[in-house]
Amino acid sequence: MPSPSAPERYLTVAEVAEILGTTERFPRRLIAERRIAFVKVGKHVRIARTVLDAYIEANTVPSVTPRRSGLRRADLRRAA
């Protein structure tokens, strides 16, 4: 997050694609579907770094710790 005195950083579609590790088509699709906020300056489209960070955070899926059942393999054979 930028400090209050630092100006907001706006990224090009190419920069967003590089950060996300995708082609430029993916951020353009996000823009076309209005799934991410953007700024249009003339014919140029820019995405604020804070908006991209929020998008990444909102779409991050946490890992799941596998649950172990109460029965072990050997116990399964006896139960059957």
PDB file of N, CA and C in Angstrom:
ATOM      1  N   MET A   1       0.850  -1.176   0.000  1.00  0.00           N
ATOM      2  CA  MET A   1       0.000   0.000   0.000  1.00  0.00           C
ATOM      3  C   MET A   1       0.891   1.233   0.000  1.00  0.00           C
ATOM      4  N   PRO A   2       0.653   2.178  -0.877  1.00  0.00           N
ATOM      5  CA  PRO A   2       1.505   3.357  -0.922  1.00  0.00           C
ATOM      6  C   PRO A   2       1.284   4.241   0.300  1.00  0.00           C
ATOM      7  N   SER A   3       2.320   4.987   0.651  1.00  0.00           N
ATOM      8  CA  SER A   3       2.173   5.907   1.768  1.00  0.00           C
ATOM      9  C   SER A   3       1.243   7.044   1.353  1.00  0.00           C
ATOM     10  N   PRO A   4       0.648   7.751   2.317  1.00  0.00           N
ATOM     11  CA  PRO A   4      -0.284   8.831   1.969  1.00  0.00           C
ATOM     12  C   PRO A   4       0.329   9.912   1.086  1.00  0.00           C
ATOM     13  N   SER A   5       1.645  10.124   1.185  1.00  0.00           N
ATOM     14  CA  SER A   5       2.275  11.166   0.381  1.00  0.00           C
ATOM     15  C   SER A   5       2.687  10.664  -1.010  1.00  0.00           C
ATOM     16  N   ALA A   6       2.754   9.344  -1.185  1.00  0.00           N
ATOM     17  CA  ALA A   6       3.165   8.797  -2.482  1.00  0.00           C
ATOM     18  C   ALA A   6       1.968   8.757  -3.433  1.00  0.00           C
ATOM     19  N   PRO A   7       2.188   9.114  -4.685  1.00  0.00           N
ATOM     20  CA  PRO A   7       1.085   9.058  -5.647  1.00  0.00           C
ATOM     21  C   PRO A   7       0.736   7.606  -5.995  1.00  0.00           C
ATOM     22  N   GLU A   8      -0.507   7.401  -6.399  1.00  0.00           N
ATOM     23  CA  GLU A   8      -0.974   6.076  -6.816  1.00  0.00           C
ATOM     24  C   GLU A   8      -0.224   5.647  -8.074  1.00  0.00           C
ATOM     25  N   ARG A   9       0.138   4.391  -8.156  1.00  0.00           N
ATOM     26  CA  ARG A   9       0.829   3.857  -9.341  1.00  0.00           C
ATOM     27  C   ARG A   9      -0.211   3.211 -10.241  1.00  0.00           C
ATOM     28  N   TYR A  10      -0.250   3.614 -11.491  1.00  0.00           N
ATOM     29  CA  TYR A  10      -1.167   3.053 -12.478  1.00  0.00           C
ATOM     30  C   TYR A  10      -0.385   2.186 -13.452  1.00  0.00           C
ATOM     31  N   LEU A  11      -0.914   1.002 -13.729  1.00  0.00           N
ATOM     32  CA  LEU A  11      -0.226   0.019 -14.545  1.00  0.00           C
ATOM     33  C   LEU A  11      -0.894  -0.122 -15.904  1.00  0.00           C
ATOM     34  N   THR A  12      -0.094  -0.426 -16.911  1.00  0.00           N
ATOM     35  CA  THR A  12      -0.635  -0.712 -18.230  1.00  0.00           C
ATOM     36  C   THR A  12      -1.170  -2.142 -18.230  1.00  0.00           C
ATOM     37  N   VAL A  13      -1.906  -2.480 -19.254  1.00  0.00           N
ATOM     38  CA  VAL A  13      -2.434  -3.839 -19.387  1.00  0.00           C
ATOM     39  C   VAL A  13      -1.277  -4.837 -19.474  1.00  0.00           C
ATOM     40  N   ALA A  14      -0.221  -4.475 -20.170  1.00  0.00           N
ATOM     41  CA  ALA A  14       0.950  -5.352 -20.287  1.00  0.00           C
ATOM     42  C   ALA A  14       1.608  -5.583 -18.932  1.00  0.00           C
ATOM     43  N   GLU A  15       1.712  -4.535 -18.119  1.00  0.00           N
ATOM     44  CA  GLU A  15       2.304  -4.678 -16.783  1.00  0.00           C
ATOM     45  C   GLU A  15       1.430  -5.557 -15.889  1.00  0.00           C
ATOM     46  N   VAL A  16       0.121  -5.390 -15.974  1.00  0.00           N
ATOM     47  CA  VAL A  16      -0.803  -6.213 -15.190  1.00  0.00           C
ATOM     48  C   VAL A  16      -0.666  -7.672 -15.605  1.00  0.00           C
ATOM     49  N   ALA A  17      -0.600  -7.925 -16.898  1.00  0.00           N
ATOM     50  CA  ALA A  17      -0.443  -9.291 -17.394  1.00  0.00           C
ATOM     51  C   ALA A  17       0.858  -9.913 -16.896  1.00  0.00           C
ATOM     52  N   GLU A  18       1.916  -9.132 -16.876  1.00  0.00           N
ATOM     53  CA  GLU A  18       3.200  -9.641 -16.400  1.00  0.00           C
ATOM     54  C   GLU A  18       3.134  -9.981 -14.918  1.00  0.00           C
ATOM     55  N   ILE A  19       2.508  -9.122 -14.118  1.00  0.00           N
ATOM     56  CA  ILE A  19       2.376  -9.366 -12.682  1.00  0.00           C
ATOM     57  C   ILE A  19       1.549 -10.627 -12.423  1.00  0.00           C
ATOM     58  N   LEU A  20       0.467 -10.796 -13.190  1.00  0.00           N
ATOM     59  CA  LEU A  20      -0.403 -11.958 -13.007  1.00  0.00           C
ATOM     60  C   LEU A  20       0.161 -13.218 -13.666  1.00  0.00           C
ATOM     61  N   GLY A  21       1.158 -13.046 -14.515  1.00  0.00           N
ATOM     62  CA  GLY A  21       1.737 -14.198 -15.203  1.00  0.00           C
ATOM     63  C   GLY A  21       0.822 -14.735 -16.294  1.00  0.00           C
ATOM     64  N   THR A  22       0.109 -13.833 -16.964  1.00  0.00           N
ATOM     65  CA  THR A  22      -0.819 -14.227 -18.022  1.00  0.00           C
ATOM     66  C   THR A  22      -0.501 -13.459 -19.304  1.00  0.00           C
ATOM     67  N   THR A  23      -1.282 -13.713 -20.325  1.00  0.00           N
ATOM     68  CA  THR A  23      -1.165 -12.911 -21.539  1.00  0.00           C
ATOM     69  C   THR A  23      -1.970 -11.622 -21.322  1.00  0.00           C
ATOM     70  N   GLU A  24      -1.857 -10.682 -22.232  1.00  0.00           N
ATOM     71  CA  GLU A  24      -2.601  -9.426 -22.120  1.00  0.00           C
ATOM     72  C   GLU A  24      -4.101  -9.645 -22.292  1.00  0.00           C
ATOM     73  N   ARG A  25      -4.468 -10.729 -22.910  1.00  0.00           N
ATOM     74  CA  ARG A  25      -5.888 -11.003 -23.139  1.00  0.00           C
ATOM     75  C   ARG A  25      -6.674 -11.121 -21.825  1.00  0.00           C
ATOM     76  N   PHE A  26      -6.078 -11.734 -20.802  1.00  0.00           N
ATOM     77  CA  PHE A  26      -6.784 -11.930 -19.538  1.00  0.00           C
ATOM     78  C   PHE A  26      -7.149 -10.613 -18.854  1.00  0.00           C
ATOM     79  N   PRO A  27      -6.199  -9.675 -18.627  1.00  0.00           N
ATOM     80  CA  PRO A  27      -6.612  -8.400 -18.029  1.00  0.00           C
ATOM     81  C   PRO A  27      -7.583  -7.616 -18.909  1.00  0.00           C
ATOM     82  N   ARG A  28      -7.440  -7.720 -20.209  1.00  0.00           N
ATOM     83  CA  ARG A  28      -8.399  -7.046 -21.094  1.00  0.00           C
ATOM     84  C   ARG A  28      -9.801  -7.627 -20.928  1.00  0.00           C
ATOM     85  N   ARG A  29      -9.888  -8.948 -20.718  1.00  0.00           N
ATOM     86  CA  ARG A  29     -11.185  -9.576 -20.493  1.00  0.00           C
ATOM     87  C   ARG A  29     -11.768  -9.129 -19.149  1.00  0.00           C
ATOM     88  N   LEU A  30     -10.920  -9.015 -18.116  1.00  0.00           N
ATOM     89  CA  LEU A  30     -11.381  -8.522 -16.819  1.00  0.00           C
ATOM     90  C   LEU A  30     -11.964  -7.118 -16.961  1.00  0.00           C
ATOM     91  N   ILE A  31     -11.314  -6.297 -17.769  1.00  0.00           N
ATOM     92  CA  ILE A  31     -11.778  -4.930 -18.005  1.00  0.00           C
ATOM     93  C   ILE A  31     -13.091  -4.947 -18.779  1.00  0.00           C
ATOM     94  N   ALA A  32     -13.163  -5.726 -19.846  1.00  0.00           N
ATOM     95  CA  ALA A  32     -14.366  -5.777 -20.684  1.00  0.00           C
ATOM     96  C   ALA A  32     -15.573  -6.282 -19.897  1.00  0.00           C
ATOM     97  N   GLU A  33     -15.348  -7.225 -18.991  1.00  0.00           N
ATOM     98  CA  GLU A  33     -16.433  -7.783 -18.182  1.00  0.00           C
ATOM     99  C   GLU A  33     -16.695  -6.963 -16.922  1.00  0.00           C
ATOM    100  N   ARG A  34     -15.957  -5.873 -16.749  1.00  0.00           N
ATOM    101  CA  ARG A  34     -16.079  -4.981 -15.595  1.00  0.00           C
ATOM    102  C   ARG A  34     -15.855  -5.725 -14.272  1.00  0.00           C
ATOM    103  N   ARG A  35     -14.919  -6.686 -14.298  1.00  0.00           N
ATOM    104  CA  ARG A  35     -14.598  -7.451 -13.104  1.00  0.00           C
ATOM    105  C   ARG A  35     -13.471  -6.808 -12.300  1.00  0.00           C
ATOM    106  N   ILE A  36     -12.836  -5.767 -12.872  1.00  0.00           N
ATOM    107  CA  ILE A  36     -11.787  -5.037 -12.178  1.00  0.00           C
ATOM    108  C   ILE A  36     -11.952  -3.560 -12.530  1.00  0.00           C
ATOM    109  N   ALA A  37     -11.721  -2.702 -11.542  1.00  0.00           N
ATOM    110  CA  ALA A  37     -11.846  -1.258 -11.774  1.00  0.00           C
ATOM    111  C   ALA A  37     -10.661  -0.775 -12.611  1.00  0.00           C
ATOM    112  N   PHE A  38     -10.911   0.195 -13.484  1.00  0.00           N
ATOM    113  CA  PHE A  38      -9.853   0.723 -14.329  1.00  0.00           C
ATOM    114  C   PHE A  38     -10.098   2.195 -14.591  1.00  0.00           C
ATOM    115  N   VAL A  39      -9.066   2.852 -15.106  1.00  0.00           N
ATOM    116  CA  VAL A  39      -9.128   4.260 -15.461  1.00  0.00           C
ATOM    117  C   VAL A  39      -8.856   4.349 -16.949  1.00  0.00           C
ATOM    118  N   LYS A  40      -9.677   5.107 -17.630  1.00  0.00           N
ATOM    119  CA  LYS A  40      -9.475   5.298 -19.066  1.00  0.00           C
ATOM    120  C   LYS A  40      -9.027   6.737 -19.287  1.00  0.00           C
ATOM    121  N   VAL A  41      -7.869   6.893 -19.895  1.00  0.00           N
ATOM    122  CA  VAL A  41      -7.306   8.203 -20.212  1.00  0.00           C
ATOM    123  C   VAL A  41      -7.203   8.259 -21.729  1.00  0.00           C
ATOM    124  N   GLY A  42      -8.182   8.898 -22.338  1.00  0.00           N
ATOM    125  CA  GLY A  42      -8.241   8.877 -23.798  1.00  0.00           C
ATOM    126  C   GLY A  42      -8.499   7.451 -24.248  1.00  0.00           C
ATOM    127  N   LYS A  43      -7.627   6.934 -25.096  1.00  0.00           N
ATOM    128  CA  LYS A  43      -7.776   5.552 -25.539  1.00  0.00           C
ATOM    129  C   LYS A  43      -6.958   4.577 -24.691  1.00  0.00           C
ATOM    130  N   HIS A  44      -6.233   5.093 -23.714  1.00  0.00           N
ATOM    131  CA  HIS A  44      -5.376   4.272 -22.865  1.00  0.00           C
ATOM    132  C   HIS A  44      -6.135   3.794 -21.630  1.00  0.00           C
ATOM    133  N   VAL A  45      -5.889   2.547 -21.255  1.00  0.00           N
ATOM    134  CA  VAL A  45      -6.517   1.960 -20.071  1.00  0.00           C
ATOM    135  C   VAL A  45      -5.426   1.696 -19.045  1.00  0.00           C
ATOM    136  N   ARG A  46      -5.692   2.085 -17.811  1.00  0.00           N
ATOM    137  CA  ARG A  46      -4.741   1.871 -16.723  1.00  0.00           C
ATOM    138  C   ARG A  46      -5.469   1.270 -15.530  1.00  0.00           C
ATOM    139  N   ILE A  47      -4.748   0.456 -14.766  1.00  0.00           N
ATOM    140  CA  ILE A  47      -5.294  -0.172 -13.561  1.00  0.00           C
ATOM    141  C   ILE A  47      -4.403   0.236 -12.396  1.00  0.00           C
ATOM    142  N   ALA A  48      -5.021   0.752 -11.338  1.00  0.00           N
ATOM    143  CA  ALA A  48      -4.266   1.170 -10.161  1.00  0.00           C
ATOM    144  C   ALA A  48      -3.662  -0.056  -9.479  1.00  0.00           C
ATOM    145  N   ARG A  49      -2.458   0.086  -8.987  1.00  0.00           N
ATOM    146  CA  ARG A  49      -1.776  -1.033  -8.319  1.00  0.00           C
ATOM    147  C   ARG A  49      -2.582  -1.509  -7.114  1.00  0.00           C
ATOM    148  N   THR A  50      -3.181  -0.586  -6.377  1.00  0.00           N
ATOM    149  CA  THR A  50      -3.971  -0.980  -5.204  1.00  0.00           C
ATOM    150  C   THR A  50      -5.200  -1.788  -5.622  1.00  0.00           C
ATOM    151  N   VAL A  51      -5.787  -1.455  -6.778  1.00  0.00           N
ATOM    152  CA  VAL A  51      -6.935  -2.209  -7.293  1.00  0.00           C
ATOM    153  C   VAL A  51      -6.495  -3.617  -7.678  1.00  0.00           C
ATOM    154  N   LEU A  52      -5.345  -3.736  -8.326  1.00  0.00           N
ATOM    155  CA  LEU A  52      -4.831  -5.052  -8.703  1.00  0.00           C
ATOM    156  C   LEU A  52      -4.527  -5.887  -7.461  1.00  0.00           C
ATOM    157  N   ASP A  53      -3.908  -5.268  -6.467  1.00  0.00           N
ATOM    158  CA  ASP A  53      -3.614  -5.986  -5.221  1.00  0.00           C
ATOM    159  C   ASP A  53      -4.900  -6.466  -4.550  1.00  0.00           C
ATOM    160  N   ALA A  54      -5.941  -5.631  -4.548  1.00  0.00           N
ATOM    161  CA  ALA A  54      -7.228  -6.016  -3.956  1.00  0.00           C
ATOM    162  C   ALA A  54      -7.866  -7.155  -4.754  1.00  0.00           C
ATOM    163  N   TYR A  55      -7.747  -7.119  -6.075  1.00  0.00           N
ATOM    164  CA  TYR A  55      -8.286  -8.190  -6.922  1.00  0.00           C
ATOM    165  C   TYR A  55      -7.585  -9.511  -6.616  1.00  0.00           C
ATOM    166  N   ILE A  56      -6.265  -9.462  -6.509  1.00  0.00           N
ATOM    167  CA  ILE A  56      -5.497 -10.665  -6.199  1.00  0.00           C
ATOM    168  C   ILE A  56      -5.897 -11.206  -4.825  1.00  0.00           C
ATOM    169  N   GLU A  57      -6.007 -10.335  -3.850  1.00  0.00           N
ATOM    170  CA  GLU A  57      -6.388 -10.746  -2.491  1.00  0.00           C
ATOM    171  C   GLU A  57      -7.783 -11.366  -2.480  1.00  0.00           C
ATOM    172  N   ALA A  58      -8.720 -10.745  -3.181  1.00  0.00           N
ATOM    173  CA  ALA A  58     -10.103 -11.239  -3.191  1.00  0.00           C
ATOM    174  C   ALA A  58     -10.233 -12.580  -3.906  1.00  0.00           C
ATOM    175  N   ASN A  59      -9.331 -12.877  -4.829  1.00  0.00           N
ATOM    176  CA  ASN A  59      -9.424 -14.112  -5.604  1.00  0.00           C
ATOM    177  C   ASN A  59      -8.406 -15.172  -5.189  1.00  0.00           C
ATOM    178  N   THR A  60      -7.739 -14.940  -4.073  1.00  0.00           N
ATOM    179  CA  THR A  60      -6.790 -15.918  -3.551  1.00  0.00           C
ATOM    180  C   THR A  60      -7.551 -16.969  -2.761  1.00  0.00           C
ATOM    181  N   VAL A  61      -7.349 -18.214  -3.117  1.00  0.00           N
ATOM    182  CA  VAL A  61      -8.019 -19.325  -2.442  1.00  0.00           C
ATOM    183  C   VAL A  61      -7.047 -19.893  -1.418  1.00  0.00           C
ATOM    184  N   PRO A  62      -7.446 -19.913  -0.143  1.00  0.00           N
ATOM    185  CA  PRO A  62      -6.530 -20.428   0.881  1.00  0.00           C
ATOM    186  C   PRO A  62      -6.352 -21.933   0.745  1.00  0.00           C
ATOM    187  N   SER A  63      -5.200 -22.401   1.181  1.00  0.00           N
ATOM    188  CA  SER A  63      -4.948 -23.836   1.136  1.00  0.00           C
ATOM    189  C   SER A  63      -5.769 -24.525   2.222  1.00  0.00           C
ATOM    190  N   VAL A  64      -6.023 -25.790   2.018  1.00  0.00           N
ATOM    191  CA  VAL A  64      -6.819 -26.567   2.959  1.00  0.00           C
ATOM    192  C   VAL A  64      -5.934 -27.643   3.553  1.00  0.00           C
ATOM    193  N   THR A  65      -5.996 -27.780   4.864  1.00  0.00           N
ATOM    194  CA  THR A  65      -5.264 -28.837   5.534  1.00  0.00           C
ATOM    195  C   THR A  65      -6.085 -30.114   5.424  1.00  0.00           C
ATOM    196  N   PRO A  66      -5.509 -31.180   4.883  1.00  0.00           N
ATOM    197  CA  PRO A  66      -6.287 -32.410   4.753  1.00  0.00           C
ATOM    198  C   PRO A  66      -6.693 -32.955   6.112  1.00  0.00           C
ATOM    199  N   ARG A  67      -7.943 -33.406   6.190  1.00  0.00           N
ATOM    200  CA  ARG A  67      -8.427 -33.994   7.437  1.00  0.00           C
ATOM    201  C   ARG A  67      -8.131 -35.483   7.437  1.00  0.00           C
ATOM    202  N   ARG A  68      -7.739 -35.972   8.564  1.00  0.00           N
ATOM    203  CA  ARG A  68      -7.517 -37.406   8.692  1.00  0.00           C
ATOM    204  C   ARG A  68      -8.750 -38.007   9.333  1.00  0.00           C
ATOM    205  N   SER A  69      -9.202 -39.090   8.773  1.00  0.00           N
ATOM    206  CA  SER A  69     -10.364 -39.746   9.365  1.00  0.00           C
ATOM    207  C   SER A  69      -9.944 -40.455  10.642  1.00  0.00           C
ATOM    208  N   GLY A  70     -10.910 -40.791  11.442  1.00  0.00           N
ATOM    209  CA  GLY A  70     -10.629 -41.475  12.707  1.00  0.00           C
ATOM    210  C   GLY A  70     -10.157 -42.905  12.506  1.00  0.00           C
ATOM    211  N   LEU A  71     -10.462 -43.482  11.351  1.00  0.00           N
ATOM    212  CA  LEU A  71     -10.077 -44.864  11.097  1.00  0.00           C
ATOM    213  C   LEU A  71      -8.793 -44.932  10.298  1.00  0.00           C
ATOM    214  N   ARG A  72      -8.002 -45.924  10.595  1.00  0.00           N
ATOM    215  CA  ARG A  72      -6.795 -46.163   9.814  1.00  0.00           C
ATOM    216  C   ARG A  72      -7.096 -47.228   8.777  1.00  0.00           C
ATOM    217  N   ARG A  73      -6.199 -47.427   7.853  1.00  0.00           N
ATOM    218  CA  ARG A  73      -6.407 -48.433   6.814  1.00  0.00           C
ATOM    219  C   ARG A  73      -6.636 -49.813   7.392  1.00  0.00           C
ATOM    220  N   ALA A  74      -5.850 -50.188   8.352  1.00  0.00           N
ATOM    221  CA  ALA A  74      -6.002 -51.513   8.953  1.00  0.00           C
ATOM    222  C   ALA A  74      -7.370 -51.643   9.612  1.00  0.00           C
ATOM    223  N   ASP A  75      -7.860 -50.543  10.209  1.00  0.00           N
ATOM    224  CA  ASP A  75      -9.162 -50.571  10.872  1.00  0.00           C
ATOM    225  C   ASP A  75     -10.289 -50.710   9.854  1.00  0.00           C
ATOM    226  N   LEU A  76     -10.105 -50.182   8.648  1.00  0.00           N
ATOM    227  CA  LEU A  76     -11.128 -50.282   7.615  1.00  0.00           C
ATOM    228  C   LEU A  76     -11.361 -51.734   7.226  1.00  0.00           C
ATOM    229  N   ARG A  77     -10.303 -52.514   7.172  1.00  0.00           N
ATOM    230  CA  ARG A  77     -10.451 -53.921   6.807  1.00  0.00           C
ATOM    231  C   ARG A  77     -11.247 -54.685   7.854  1.00  0.00           C
ATOM    232  N   ARG A  78     -11.013 -54.379   9.107  1.00  0.00           N
ATOM    233  CA  ARG A  78     -11.722 -55.065  10.187  1.00  0.00           C
ATOM    234  C   ARG A  78     -13.189 -54.661  10.221  1.00  0.00           C
ATOM    235  N   ALA A  79     -13.482 -53.400   9.868  1.00  0.00           N
ATOM    236  CA  ALA A  79     -14.849 -52.916   9.930  1.00  0.00           C
ATOM    237  C   ALA A  79     -15.719 -53.539   8.846  1.00  0.00           C
ATOM    238  N   ALA A  80     -15.115 -53.986   7.763  1.00  0.00           N
ATOM    239  CA  ALA A  80     -15.897 -54.547   6.647  1.00  0.00           C
ATOM    240  C   ALA A  80     -16.276 -55.975   6.825  1.00  0.00           C
TER     241      ALA A  80
END
